[in-house]
């Protein structure tokens, strides 16, 4: 009988990048993928809301229009629906094929934005995730953190002064988001790593790669 060679070192992983506005998640997603490629690991970069055709359609509903267009409960439902499609159509198939998935935002953004900052109960957010995405969780969640003023300046430079409807919320809202992320890191150190996002991108990438070193083949 012919034997099919299988590289047992190739194991799909799911890494999420979280944090407030302007902390460098998209930049680090690209840099992580490059670092993995240098190690011979195939990685897929994706984002939320979005990452699949259905989820991208919902992204347009969530991020454009008047700030009061959706209340926290409607937002949570829309994010959960987008995530369900994203997990089914993009994330799970990539991991099953042995690829690493690097996602710019995931479940914990819903917890921090619609939960911690907007007042919804965390158990309700998690229930929506259980219903929509079968409670699927990342192997590692990296929370990038910056001082409030520095993060706001970076976000303003990125957006050209025109933020989306969620990013445009006031400083108090974003402070609650940051506090929620810090709390999740403290409560679940097995999954979360809090990353200092200050300094050069190269330095941040070094910290990130250290934080996922135990997952590397």
N, C-alpha and C. Protein backbone atom coordinates (compact mmCIF):
# COMPACT_ATOMS: atom_id res chain seq x y z
N UNK A 1 0.85 -1.20 0.00
CA UNK A 1 0.00 0.00 0.00
C UNK A 1 0.88 1.24 0.00
N UNK A 2 0.55 2.19 -0.87
CA UNK A 2 1.30 3.44 -0.90
C UNK A 2 1.03 4.23 0.36
N UNK A 3 2.07 4.88 0.87
CA UNK A 3 1.92 5.71 2.06
C UNK A 3 1.97 7.18 1.66
N UNK A 4 1.06 7.97 2.20
CA UNK A 4 1.01 9.40 1.92
C UNK A 4 1.81 10.12 2.99
N UNK A 5 2.80 10.88 2.56
CA UNK A 5 3.63 11.61 3.52
C UNK A 5 2.84 12.77 4.09
N UNK A 6 2.83 12.87 5.41
CA UNK A 6 2.14 13.95 6.08
C UNK A 6 3.12 14.68 6.99
N UNK A 7 3.20 15.98 6.86
CA UNK A 7 4.06 16.77 7.73
C UNK A 7 3.30 17.05 9.02
N UNK A 8 3.62 16.29 10.05
CA UNK A 8 2.90 16.41 11.31
C UNK A 8 3.19 17.72 12.02
N UNK A 9 4.19 18.47 11.56
CA UNK A 9 4.50 19.76 12.18
C UNK A 9 3.51 20.83 11.78
N UNK A 10 2.79 20.60 10.70
CA UNK A 10 1.88 21.62 10.20
C UNK A 10 0.55 21.51 10.93
N UNK A 11 0.29 22.46 11.80
CA UNK A 11 -0.95 22.47 12.57
C UNK A 11 -1.59 23.84 12.44
N UNK A 12 -2.82 23.88 11.97
CA UNK A 12 -3.50 25.16 11.86
C UNK A 12 -3.71 25.79 13.22
N UNK A 13 -3.53 27.09 13.28
CA UNK A 13 -3.73 27.84 14.52
C UNK A 13 -4.58 29.06 14.23
N UNK A 14 -5.19 29.59 15.29
CA UNK A 14 -6.03 30.76 15.16
C UNK A 14 -5.56 31.81 16.16
N UNK A 15 -5.04 32.92 15.64
CA UNK A 15 -4.50 34.01 16.45
C UNK A 15 -5.34 35.26 16.20
N UNK A 16 -5.79 35.91 17.26
CA UNK A 16 -6.55 37.15 17.09
C UNK A 16 -5.80 38.32 17.69
N UNK A 17 -5.94 39.46 17.05
CA UNK A 17 -5.36 40.72 17.50
C UNK A 17 -6.49 41.62 17.96
N UNK A 18 -6.38 42.11 19.18
CA UNK A 18 -7.42 42.94 19.76
C UNK A 18 -6.82 44.22 20.33
N UNK A 19 -7.69 45.13 20.72
CA UNK A 19 -7.26 46.40 21.28
C UNK A 19 -8.13 47.52 20.75
N UNK A 20 -7.91 48.70 21.27
CA UNK A 20 -8.69 49.85 20.85
C UNK A 20 -8.27 50.39 19.50
N UNK A 21 -8.76 51.58 19.20
CA UNK A 21 -8.46 52.20 17.91
C UNK A 21 -7.00 52.68 17.88
N UNK A 22 -6.34 52.48 16.73
CA UNK A 22 -5.02 53.05 16.53
C UNK A 22 -3.86 52.35 17.19
N UNK A 23 -4.04 51.13 17.68
CA UNK A 23 -2.94 50.47 18.38
C UNK A 23 -2.05 49.65 17.45
N UNK A 24 -2.41 49.52 16.17
CA UNK A 24 -1.53 48.86 15.21
C UNK A 24 -1.87 47.41 14.90
N UNK A 25 -3.12 47.01 15.07
CA UNK A 25 -3.51 45.63 14.84
C UNK A 25 -3.27 45.19 13.39
N UNK A 26 -3.69 46.01 12.44
CA UNK A 26 -3.54 45.63 11.03
C UNK A 26 -2.08 45.52 10.64
N UNK A 27 -1.27 46.45 11.11
CA UNK A 27 0.17 46.39 10.84
C UNK A 27 0.78 45.11 11.39
N UNK A 28 0.44 44.78 12.62
CA UNK A 28 1.02 43.58 13.23
C UNK A 28 0.49 42.31 12.60
N UNK A 29 -0.75 42.30 12.13
CA UNK A 29 -1.27 41.13 11.43
C UNK A 29 -0.41 40.81 10.22
N UNK A 30 -0.07 41.83 9.45
CA UNK A 30 0.78 41.63 8.27
C UNK A 30 2.18 41.16 8.67
N UNK A 31 2.72 41.75 9.71
CA UNK A 31 4.08 41.41 10.14
C UNK A 31 4.13 39.99 10.73
N UNK A 32 3.10 39.59 11.44
CA UNK A 32 3.05 38.21 11.94
C UNK A 32 3.02 37.23 10.77
N UNK A 33 2.18 37.51 9.79
CA UNK A 33 2.10 36.62 8.63
C UNK A 33 3.45 36.51 7.93
N UNK A 34 4.17 37.63 7.80
CA UNK A 34 5.50 37.60 7.19
C UNK A 34 6.47 36.77 8.02
N UNK A 35 6.41 36.94 9.34
CA UNK A 35 7.30 36.18 10.22
C UNK A 35 7.01 34.69 10.15
N UNK A 36 5.73 34.34 10.05
CA UNK A 36 5.37 32.94 9.92
C UNK A 36 5.82 32.38 8.58
N UNK A 37 5.66 33.17 7.52
CA UNK A 37 6.09 32.72 6.19
C UNK A 37 7.59 32.42 6.18
N UNK A 38 8.37 33.23 6.90
CA UNK A 38 9.81 33.00 6.98
C UNK A 38 10.14 31.68 7.68
N UNK A 39 9.18 31.17 8.45
CA UNK A 39 9.35 29.88 9.12
C UNK A 39 8.67 28.75 8.34
N UNK A 40 8.19 29.06 7.16
CA UNK A 40 7.55 28.05 6.33
C UNK A 40 6.12 27.76 6.70
N UNK A 41 5.47 28.69 7.41
CA UNK A 41 4.09 28.50 7.84
C UNK A 41 3.18 29.38 7.00
N UNK A 42 2.18 28.77 6.37
CA UNK A 42 1.23 29.50 5.54
C UNK A 42 0.17 30.15 6.43
N UNK A 43 -0.02 31.45 6.27
CA UNK A 43 -0.96 32.19 7.12
C UNK A 43 -1.97 32.94 6.27
N UNK A 44 -3.17 33.07 6.80
CA UNK A 44 -4.26 33.83 6.19
C UNK A 44 -4.55 35.02 7.10
N UNK A 45 -4.58 36.22 6.52
CA UNK A 45 -4.94 37.41 7.27
C UNK A 45 -6.41 37.73 6.99
N UNK A 46 -7.16 37.95 8.03
CA UNK A 46 -8.57 38.30 7.86
C UNK A 46 -8.95 39.35 8.91
N UNK A 47 -10.22 39.76 8.92
CA UNK A 47 -10.61 40.85 9.80
C UNK A 47 -12.08 40.71 10.21
N UNK A 48 -12.43 41.44 11.26
CA UNK A 48 -13.83 41.56 11.66
C UNK A 48 -14.17 43.02 11.95
N UNK A 49 -15.41 43.42 11.67
CA UNK A 49 -16.37 42.63 10.91
C UNK A 49 -15.90 42.45 9.48
N UNK A 50 -16.17 41.31 8.91
CA UNK A 50 -15.75 41.03 7.54
C UNK A 50 -15.10 39.66 7.45
N UNK A 51 -14.33 39.46 6.39
CA UNK A 51 -13.58 38.23 6.23
C UNK A 51 -14.24 37.17 5.39
N UNK A 52 -15.50 37.37 5.03
CA UNK A 52 -16.22 36.49 4.10
C UNK A 52 -17.23 37.38 3.39
N UNK A 53 -17.73 36.96 2.23
CA UNK A 53 -18.65 37.83 1.50
C UNK A 53 -19.85 38.29 2.32
N UNK A 54 -20.48 37.36 3.03
CA UNK A 54 -21.63 37.74 3.85
C UNK A 54 -21.25 38.69 4.96
N UNK A 55 -20.13 38.41 5.62
CA UNK A 55 -19.68 39.27 6.73
C UNK A 55 -19.25 40.65 6.23
N UNK A 56 -18.67 40.72 5.05
CA UNK A 56 -18.29 42.03 4.50
C UNK A 56 -19.53 42.88 4.22
N UNK A 57 -20.62 42.24 3.79
CA UNK A 57 -21.86 42.98 3.56
C UNK A 57 -22.37 43.57 4.87
N UNK A 58 -22.27 42.79 5.95
CA UNK A 58 -22.72 43.29 7.25
C UNK A 58 -21.78 44.38 7.75
N UNK A 59 -20.50 44.29 7.42
CA UNK A 59 -19.54 45.32 7.82
C UNK A 59 -20.00 46.71 7.37
N UNK A 60 -20.48 46.78 6.14
CA UNK A 60 -20.95 48.06 5.63
C UNK A 60 -22.10 48.62 6.46
N UNK A 61 -22.97 47.75 6.93
CA UNK A 61 -24.08 48.18 7.77
C UNK A 61 -23.60 48.70 9.12
N UNK A 62 -22.58 48.05 9.66
CA UNK A 62 -22.12 48.38 11.01
C UNK A 62 -21.27 49.63 11.09
N UNK A 63 -20.45 49.87 10.09
CA UNK A 63 -19.43 50.91 10.21
C UNK A 63 -19.75 52.21 9.48
N UNK A 64 -20.84 52.24 8.76
CA UNK A 64 -21.20 53.47 8.05
C UNK A 64 -22.54 54.00 8.56
N UNK A 65 -22.77 55.27 8.31
CA UNK A 65 -24.03 55.88 8.72
C UNK A 65 -23.90 56.65 10.01
N UNK A 66 -25.02 57.12 10.48
CA UNK A 66 -25.07 57.93 11.69
C UNK A 66 -24.65 57.12 12.92
N UNK A 67 -24.02 57.79 13.87
CA UNK A 67 -23.52 57.11 15.07
C UNK A 67 -24.63 56.40 15.83
N UNK A 68 -25.84 56.92 15.77
CA UNK A 68 -26.97 56.33 16.50
C UNK A 68 -27.78 55.36 15.65
N UNK A 69 -27.26 54.97 14.49
CA UNK A 69 -28.01 54.11 13.59
C UNK A 69 -28.41 52.79 14.24
N UNK A 70 -27.47 52.16 14.97
CA UNK A 70 -27.73 50.90 15.64
C UNK A 70 -27.49 51.06 17.14
N UNK A 71 -28.35 50.51 17.94
CA UNK A 71 -28.12 50.45 19.37
C UNK A 71 -27.20 49.28 19.70
N UNK A 72 -26.74 49.17 20.96
CA UNK A 72 -25.81 48.11 21.34
C UNK A 72 -26.34 46.71 21.07
N UNK A 73 -27.65 46.47 21.30
CA UNK A 73 -28.18 45.13 21.09
C UNK A 73 -28.21 44.77 19.61
N UNK A 74 -28.62 45.71 18.77
CA UNK A 74 -28.63 45.46 17.33
C UNK A 74 -27.20 45.25 16.83
N UNK A 75 -26.27 46.06 17.32
CA UNK A 75 -24.86 45.88 16.94
C UNK A 75 -24.37 44.49 17.32
N UNK A 76 -24.66 44.06 18.53
CA UNK A 76 -24.20 42.75 18.98
C UNK A 76 -24.75 41.64 18.10
N UNK A 77 -26.01 41.74 17.72
CA UNK A 77 -26.61 40.74 16.85
C UNK A 77 -25.98 40.74 15.46
N UNK A 78 -25.72 41.93 14.93
CA UNK A 78 -25.10 42.02 13.61
C UNK A 78 -23.67 41.48 13.62
N UNK A 79 -22.91 41.84 14.65
CA UNK A 79 -21.55 41.31 14.76
C UNK A 79 -21.57 39.79 14.89
N UNK A 80 -22.49 39.25 15.67
CA UNK A 80 -22.56 37.80 15.84
C UNK A 80 -22.92 37.11 14.53
N UNK A 81 -23.82 37.72 13.76
CA UNK A 81 -24.18 37.14 12.46
C UNK A 81 -23.00 37.16 11.50
N UNK A 82 -22.29 38.30 11.45
CA UNK A 82 -21.11 38.39 10.58
C UNK A 82 -20.06 37.37 11.00
N UNK A 83 -19.87 37.23 12.31
CA UNK A 83 -18.85 36.30 12.81
C UNK A 83 -19.21 34.86 12.48
N UNK A 84 -20.48 34.51 12.57
CA UNK A 84 -20.89 33.14 12.25
C UNK A 84 -20.52 32.79 10.81
N UNK A 85 -20.77 33.70 9.88
CA UNK A 85 -20.43 33.45 8.48
C UNK A 85 -18.92 33.40 8.29
N UNK A 86 -18.22 34.30 8.95
CA UNK A 86 -16.76 34.37 8.86
C UNK A 86 -16.12 33.07 9.35
N UNK A 87 -16.57 32.59 10.50
CA UNK A 87 -16.02 31.35 11.06
C UNK A 87 -16.29 30.18 10.12
N UNK A 88 -17.52 30.08 9.64
CA UNK A 88 -17.90 28.95 8.80
C UNK A 88 -17.21 28.97 7.44
N UNK A 89 -17.16 30.14 6.81
CA UNK A 89 -16.70 30.21 5.42
C UNK A 89 -15.18 30.43 5.28
N UNK A 90 -14.55 31.04 6.27
CA UNK A 90 -13.15 31.42 6.12
C UNK A 90 -12.24 30.79 7.18
N UNK A 91 -12.57 30.98 8.44
CA UNK A 91 -11.63 30.63 9.50
C UNK A 91 -11.48 29.12 9.66
N UNK A 92 -12.58 28.42 9.88
CA UNK A 92 -12.48 26.98 10.09
C UNK A 92 -11.87 26.24 8.90
N UNK A 93 -12.27 26.55 7.65
CA UNK A 93 -11.65 25.85 6.52
C UNK A 93 -10.14 26.07 6.43
N UNK A 94 -9.69 27.30 6.71
CA UNK A 94 -8.25 27.57 6.64
C UNK A 94 -7.49 26.78 7.70
N UNK A 95 -8.01 26.76 8.92
CA UNK A 95 -7.35 26.02 9.98
C UNK A 95 -7.34 24.52 9.67
N UNK A 96 -8.45 24.02 9.15
CA UNK A 96 -8.54 22.60 8.82
C UNK A 96 -7.52 22.20 7.76
N UNK A 97 -7.14 23.15 6.91
CA UNK A 97 -6.15 22.85 5.87
C UNK A 97 -4.71 23.01 6.36
N UNK A 98 -4.54 23.32 7.64
CA UNK A 98 -3.21 23.45 8.21
C UNK A 98 -2.65 24.85 8.24
N UNK A 99 -3.45 25.84 7.83
CA UNK A 99 -2.97 27.23 7.81
C UNK A 99 -3.19 27.90 9.17
N UNK A 100 -2.37 28.90 9.43
CA UNK A 100 -2.61 29.78 10.57
C UNK A 100 -3.52 30.91 10.10
N UNK A 101 -4.45 31.28 10.94
CA UNK A 101 -5.34 32.40 10.65
C UNK A 101 -5.01 33.52 11.62
N UNK A 102 -4.73 34.70 11.06
CA UNK A 102 -4.43 35.89 11.84
C UNK A 102 -5.59 36.85 11.63
N UNK A 103 -6.35 37.10 12.68
CA UNK A 103 -7.58 37.89 12.54
C UNK A 103 -7.49 39.21 13.30
N UNK A 104 -7.74 40.29 12.58
CA UNK A 104 -7.80 41.64 13.14
C UNK A 104 -9.20 41.83 13.72
N UNK A 105 -9.32 41.61 15.02
CA UNK A 105 -10.55 41.63 15.82
C UNK A 105 -11.33 40.33 15.68
N UNK A 106 -11.98 39.97 16.79
CA UNK A 106 -12.85 38.79 16.82
C UNK A 106 -13.83 38.97 17.97
N UNK A 107 -14.22 37.89 18.60
CA UNK A 107 -15.22 37.90 19.66
C UNK A 107 -14.96 38.94 20.74
N UNK A 108 -13.70 39.08 21.16
CA UNK A 108 -13.41 39.94 22.30
C UNK A 108 -13.65 41.42 22.02
N UNK A 109 -13.67 41.80 20.75
CA UNK A 109 -14.07 43.17 20.42
C UNK A 109 -15.55 43.37 20.70
N UNK A 110 -16.37 42.37 20.38
CA UNK A 110 -17.79 42.47 20.73
C UNK A 110 -17.96 42.57 22.24
N UNK A 111 -17.21 41.77 22.97
CA UNK A 111 -17.29 41.82 24.43
C UNK A 111 -16.90 43.21 24.95
N UNK A 112 -15.83 43.79 24.38
CA UNK A 112 -15.33 45.07 24.88
C UNK A 112 -16.17 46.25 24.43
N UNK A 113 -16.61 46.24 23.17
CA UNK A 113 -17.33 47.39 22.62
C UNK A 113 -18.82 47.35 22.96
N UNK A 114 -19.48 46.25 22.63
CA UNK A 114 -20.92 46.18 22.90
C UNK A 114 -21.20 45.78 24.36
N UNK A 115 -20.25 45.10 24.97
CA UNK A 115 -20.40 44.71 26.35
C UNK A 115 -19.79 45.72 27.29
N UNK A 116 -18.46 45.69 27.47
CA UNK A 116 -17.80 46.53 28.44
C UNK A 116 -18.05 48.01 28.28
N UNK A 117 -18.08 48.51 27.03
CA UNK A 117 -18.25 49.94 26.81
C UNK A 117 -19.70 50.36 26.65
N UNK A 118 -20.54 49.48 26.13
CA UNK A 118 -21.94 49.84 25.85
C UNK A 118 -22.94 49.28 26.85
N UNK A 119 -22.47 48.43 27.76
CA UNK A 119 -23.31 48.01 28.87
C UNK A 119 -24.04 46.70 28.75
N UNK A 120 -23.84 45.96 27.64
CA UNK A 120 -24.49 44.66 27.55
C UNK A 120 -23.78 43.66 28.46
N UNK A 121 -24.50 42.65 28.87
CA UNK A 121 -23.95 41.64 29.76
C UNK A 121 -23.01 40.72 28.97
N UNK A 122 -21.84 40.43 29.56
CA UNK A 122 -20.87 39.58 28.88
C UNK A 122 -21.44 38.19 28.60
N UNK A 123 -22.25 37.67 29.50
CA UNK A 123 -22.85 36.36 29.27
C UNK A 123 -23.75 36.36 28.04
N UNK A 124 -24.42 37.49 27.77
CA UNK A 124 -25.27 37.57 26.58
C UNK A 124 -24.44 37.56 25.30
N UNK A 125 -23.31 38.29 25.33
CA UNK A 125 -22.41 38.29 24.16
C UNK A 125 -21.90 36.86 23.91
N UNK A 126 -21.52 36.18 24.98
CA UNK A 126 -21.01 34.82 24.84
C UNK A 126 -22.09 33.85 24.39
N UNK A 127 -23.33 34.09 24.79
CA UNK A 127 -24.43 33.25 24.33
C UNK A 127 -24.65 33.40 22.83
N UNK A 128 -24.60 34.64 22.34
CA UNK A 128 -24.70 34.87 20.90
C UNK A 128 -23.58 34.15 20.16
N UNK A 129 -22.39 34.17 20.74
CA UNK A 129 -21.25 33.51 20.10
C UNK A 129 -21.42 31.99 20.11
N UNK A 130 -21.99 31.46 21.17
CA UNK A 130 -22.24 30.02 21.23
C UNK A 130 -23.26 29.61 20.16
N UNK A 131 -24.31 30.42 20.00
CA UNK A 131 -25.34 30.11 19.02
C UNK A 131 -24.80 30.27 17.60
N UNK A 132 -24.11 31.37 17.33
CA UNK A 132 -23.68 31.66 15.97
C UNK A 132 -22.44 30.92 15.53
N UNK A 133 -21.48 30.74 16.44
CA UNK A 133 -20.16 30.20 16.05
C UNK A 133 -19.74 29.02 16.89
N UNK A 134 -20.69 28.37 17.55
CA UNK A 134 -20.42 27.17 18.33
C UNK A 134 -19.33 27.41 19.39
N UNK A 135 -19.30 28.64 19.94
CA UNK A 135 -18.37 29.01 21.01
C UNK A 135 -16.90 28.88 20.60
N UNK A 136 -16.61 28.99 19.32
CA UNK A 136 -15.26 28.82 18.80
C UNK A 136 -14.34 29.93 19.30
N UNK A 137 -13.17 29.55 19.86
CA UNK A 137 -12.24 30.52 20.44
C UNK A 137 -10.86 30.43 19.80
N UNK A 138 -10.10 31.51 19.84
CA UNK A 138 -8.74 31.50 19.31
C UNK A 138 -7.79 30.66 20.17
N UNK A 139 -6.69 30.24 19.56
CA UNK A 139 -5.61 29.62 20.33
C UNK A 139 -4.89 30.66 21.19
N UNK A 140 -4.78 31.87 20.69
CA UNK A 140 -4.12 32.94 21.42
C UNK A 140 -4.71 34.28 21.00
N UNK A 141 -4.96 35.14 21.97
CA UNK A 141 -5.47 36.48 21.71
C UNK A 141 -4.45 37.49 22.20
N UNK A 142 -3.99 38.33 21.30
CA UNK A 142 -2.98 39.34 21.60
C UNK A 142 -3.66 40.70 21.68
N UNK A 143 -3.63 41.30 22.85
CA UNK A 143 -4.26 42.60 23.06
C UNK A 143 -3.18 43.66 23.02
N UNK A 144 -3.20 44.49 21.97
CA UNK A 144 -2.22 45.57 21.83
C UNK A 144 -2.71 46.78 22.62
N UNK A 145 -1.81 47.37 23.39
CA UNK A 145 -2.20 48.48 24.27
C UNK A 145 -1.25 49.66 24.11
N UNK A 146 -1.84 50.85 24.09
CA UNK A 146 -1.11 52.11 24.00
C UNK A 146 -1.73 53.11 24.96
N UNK A 147 -0.97 54.11 25.41
CA UNK A 147 -1.59 55.21 26.15
C UNK A 147 -2.68 55.86 25.31
N UNK A 148 -3.72 56.34 25.97
CA UNK A 148 -4.90 56.86 25.27
C UNK A 148 -4.56 57.94 24.25
N UNK A 149 -3.73 58.90 24.62
CA UNK A 149 -3.40 60.00 23.71
C UNK A 149 -2.67 59.51 22.47
N UNK A 150 -1.73 58.59 22.66
CA UNK A 150 -0.97 58.07 21.52
C UNK A 150 -1.87 57.27 20.59
N UNK A 151 -2.74 56.44 21.15
CA UNK A 151 -3.65 55.66 20.32
C UNK A 151 -4.58 56.56 19.53
N UNK A 152 -5.10 57.62 20.17
CA UNK A 152 -6.00 58.53 19.48
C UNK A 152 -5.30 59.25 18.34
N UNK A 153 -4.04 59.65 18.56
CA UNK A 153 -3.28 60.33 17.51
C UNK A 153 -3.03 59.41 16.33
N UNK A 154 -2.70 58.17 16.61
CA UNK A 154 -2.47 57.20 15.53
C UNK A 154 -3.76 56.95 14.74
N UNK A 155 -4.86 56.79 15.46
CA UNK A 155 -6.14 56.54 14.78
C UNK A 155 -6.53 57.73 13.91
N UNK A 156 -6.30 58.94 14.41
CA UNK A 156 -6.64 60.13 13.64
C UNK A 156 -5.80 60.21 12.37
N UNK A 157 -4.50 59.89 12.49
CA UNK A 157 -3.63 59.90 11.31
C UNK A 157 -4.05 58.83 10.31
N UNK A 158 -4.43 57.67 10.81
CA UNK A 158 -4.86 56.56 9.95
C UNK A 158 -6.13 56.92 9.18
N UNK A 159 -7.08 57.54 9.88
CA UNK A 159 -8.40 57.81 9.31
C UNK A 159 -8.49 59.15 8.59
N UNK A 160 -7.42 59.94 8.64
CA UNK A 160 -7.49 61.27 8.04
C UNK A 160 -8.51 62.16 8.71
N UNK A 161 -8.75 61.91 10.00
CA UNK A 161 -9.70 62.72 10.74
C UNK A 161 -11.15 62.33 10.54
N UNK A 162 -11.40 61.26 9.75
CA UNK A 162 -12.77 60.82 9.48
C UNK A 162 -12.90 59.36 9.91
N UNK A 163 -13.29 59.14 11.16
CA UNK A 163 -13.41 57.80 11.70
C UNK A 163 -14.75 57.17 11.30
N UNK A 164 -14.82 55.82 11.41
CA UNK A 164 -16.11 55.16 11.17
C UNK A 164 -17.03 55.42 12.37
N UNK A 165 -18.26 54.92 12.29
CA UNK A 165 -19.26 55.30 13.28
C UNK A 165 -18.94 54.78 14.68
N UNK A 166 -18.16 53.72 14.79
CA UNK A 166 -17.77 53.22 16.11
C UNK A 166 -16.50 53.91 16.60
N UNK A 167 -15.53 54.05 15.70
CA UNK A 167 -14.29 54.73 16.07
C UNK A 167 -14.50 56.17 16.48
N UNK A 168 -15.57 56.80 15.97
CA UNK A 168 -15.82 58.21 16.24
C UNK A 168 -16.45 58.47 17.61
N UNK A 169 -16.73 57.42 18.36
CA UNK A 169 -17.31 57.63 19.68
C UNK A 169 -16.32 58.33 20.62
N UNK A 170 -16.85 58.89 21.71
CA UNK A 170 -16.03 59.79 22.54
C UNK A 170 -14.96 59.06 23.34
N UNK A 171 -14.06 59.86 23.94
CA UNK A 171 -12.91 59.32 24.65
C UNK A 171 -13.32 58.43 25.82
N UNK A 172 -14.41 58.80 26.50
CA UNK A 172 -14.85 57.99 27.64
C UNK A 172 -15.25 56.59 27.19
N UNK A 173 -15.91 56.51 26.04
CA UNK A 173 -16.29 55.21 25.49
C UNK A 173 -15.05 54.35 25.23
N UNK A 174 -14.05 54.95 24.57
CA UNK A 174 -12.85 54.19 24.22
C UNK A 174 -12.02 53.84 25.45
N UNK A 175 -12.11 54.65 26.50
CA UNK A 175 -11.45 54.30 27.75
C UNK A 175 -12.09 53.06 28.36
N UNK A 176 -13.41 52.95 28.26
CA UNK A 176 -14.09 51.75 28.76
C UNK A 176 -13.71 50.52 27.95
N UNK A 177 -13.55 50.71 26.64
CA UNK A 177 -13.10 49.60 25.79
C UNK A 177 -11.73 49.10 26.26
N UNK A 178 -10.79 50.03 26.46
CA UNK A 178 -9.44 49.66 26.89
C UNK A 178 -9.46 48.96 28.24
N UNK A 179 -10.29 49.44 29.14
CA UNK A 179 -10.38 48.82 30.46
C UNK A 179 -10.94 47.40 30.36
N UNK A 180 -11.90 47.20 29.47
CA UNK A 180 -12.46 45.87 29.28
C UNK A 180 -11.41 44.89 28.77
N UNK A 181 -10.63 45.32 27.78
CA UNK A 181 -9.58 44.44 27.25
C UNK A 181 -8.56 44.09 28.34
N UNK A 182 -8.17 45.07 29.14
CA UNK A 182 -7.22 44.80 30.22
C UNK A 182 -7.80 43.80 31.22
N UNK A 183 -9.08 43.90 31.47
CA UNK A 183 -9.74 42.97 32.40
C UNK A 183 -9.74 41.55 31.84
N UNK A 184 -10.02 41.39 30.56
CA UNK A 184 -10.02 40.05 29.97
C UNK A 184 -8.64 39.41 30.05
N UNK A 185 -7.60 40.21 29.84
CA UNK A 185 -6.22 39.68 29.95
C UNK A 185 -5.95 39.17 31.35
N UNK A 186 -6.40 39.93 32.35
CA UNK A 186 -6.17 39.53 33.74
C UNK A 186 -6.97 38.29 34.11
N UNK A 187 -8.17 38.17 33.57
CA UNK A 187 -9.06 37.07 33.93
C UNK A 187 -8.72 35.76 33.24
N UNK A 188 -8.09 35.82 32.06
CA UNK A 188 -7.84 34.60 31.29
C UNK A 188 -6.42 34.63 30.72
N UNK A 189 -5.39 34.51 31.58
CA UNK A 189 -4.01 34.58 31.09
C UNK A 189 -3.61 33.40 30.21
N UNK A 190 -4.36 32.32 30.22
CA UNK A 190 -4.03 31.18 29.37
C UNK A 190 -4.22 31.51 27.90
N UNK A 191 -5.26 32.29 27.58
CA UNK A 191 -5.53 32.64 26.18
C UNK A 191 -4.99 34.01 25.81
N UNK A 192 -5.05 34.97 26.70
CA UNK A 192 -4.71 36.36 26.39
C UNK A 192 -3.25 36.69 26.71
N UNK A 193 -2.69 37.58 25.90
CA UNK A 193 -1.42 38.21 26.21
C UNK A 193 -1.56 39.71 25.98
N UNK A 194 -1.18 40.51 26.94
CA UNK A 194 -1.22 41.96 26.81
C UNK A 194 0.12 42.42 26.25
N UNK A 195 0.09 43.12 25.11
CA UNK A 195 1.30 43.49 24.39
C UNK A 195 1.48 45.01 24.40
N UNK A 196 2.64 45.47 24.83
CA UNK A 196 2.98 46.88 24.74
C UNK A 196 3.16 47.23 23.27
N UNK A 197 2.28 48.09 22.74
CA UNK A 197 2.30 48.43 21.31
C UNK A 197 3.06 49.71 21.03
N UNK A 198 3.81 50.21 21.99
CA UNK A 198 4.57 51.44 21.78
C UNK A 198 5.88 51.15 21.08
N UNK A 199 6.45 52.19 20.47
CA UNK A 199 7.74 52.06 19.81
C UNK A 199 7.61 51.62 18.37
N UNK A 200 8.74 51.24 17.78
CA UNK A 200 8.78 50.86 16.37
C UNK A 200 8.01 49.57 16.13
N UNK A 201 7.46 49.45 14.92
CA UNK A 201 6.68 48.26 14.57
C UNK A 201 7.50 46.98 14.75
N UNK A 202 8.81 47.06 14.44
CA UNK A 202 9.67 45.89 14.57
C UNK A 202 9.76 45.42 16.02
N UNK A 203 9.82 46.37 16.93
CA UNK A 203 9.91 46.02 18.35
C UNK A 203 8.61 45.37 18.83
N UNK A 204 7.48 45.90 18.35
CA UNK A 204 6.19 45.32 18.73
C UNK A 204 6.07 43.90 18.18
N UNK A 205 6.52 43.69 16.94
CA UNK A 205 6.46 42.36 16.35
C UNK A 205 7.30 41.37 17.16
N UNK A 206 8.45 41.80 17.64
CA UNK A 206 9.27 40.92 18.47
C UNK A 206 8.52 40.49 19.73
N UNK A 207 7.80 41.43 20.34
CA UNK A 207 7.02 41.10 21.54
C UNK A 207 5.88 40.13 21.19
N UNK A 208 5.25 40.37 20.05
CA UNK A 208 4.15 39.51 19.62
C UNK A 208 4.64 38.10 19.36
N UNK A 209 5.75 37.96 18.66
CA UNK A 209 6.26 36.63 18.33
C UNK A 209 6.70 35.88 19.59
N UNK A 210 7.20 36.59 20.57
CA UNK A 210 7.50 35.96 21.84
C UNK A 210 6.24 35.42 22.49
N UNK A 211 5.14 36.18 22.33
CA UNK A 211 3.87 35.81 22.97
C UNK A 211 3.20 34.60 22.29
N UNK A 212 3.62 34.25 21.09
CA UNK A 212 3.06 33.06 20.43
C UNK A 212 4.11 31.97 20.22
N UNK A 213 5.28 32.15 20.81
CA UNK A 213 6.39 31.20 20.58
C UNK A 213 6.04 29.78 20.96
N UNK A 214 5.24 29.62 22.00
CA UNK A 214 4.89 28.26 22.45
C UNK A 214 3.96 27.54 21.49
N UNK A 215 3.35 28.27 20.55
CA UNK A 215 2.46 27.65 19.57
C UNK A 215 3.18 27.25 18.29
N UNK A 216 4.39 27.75 18.10
CA UNK A 216 5.12 27.50 16.87
C UNK A 216 5.62 26.06 16.81
N UNK A 217 5.61 25.46 15.62
CA UNK A 217 6.12 24.07 15.49
C UNK A 217 7.63 24.01 15.66
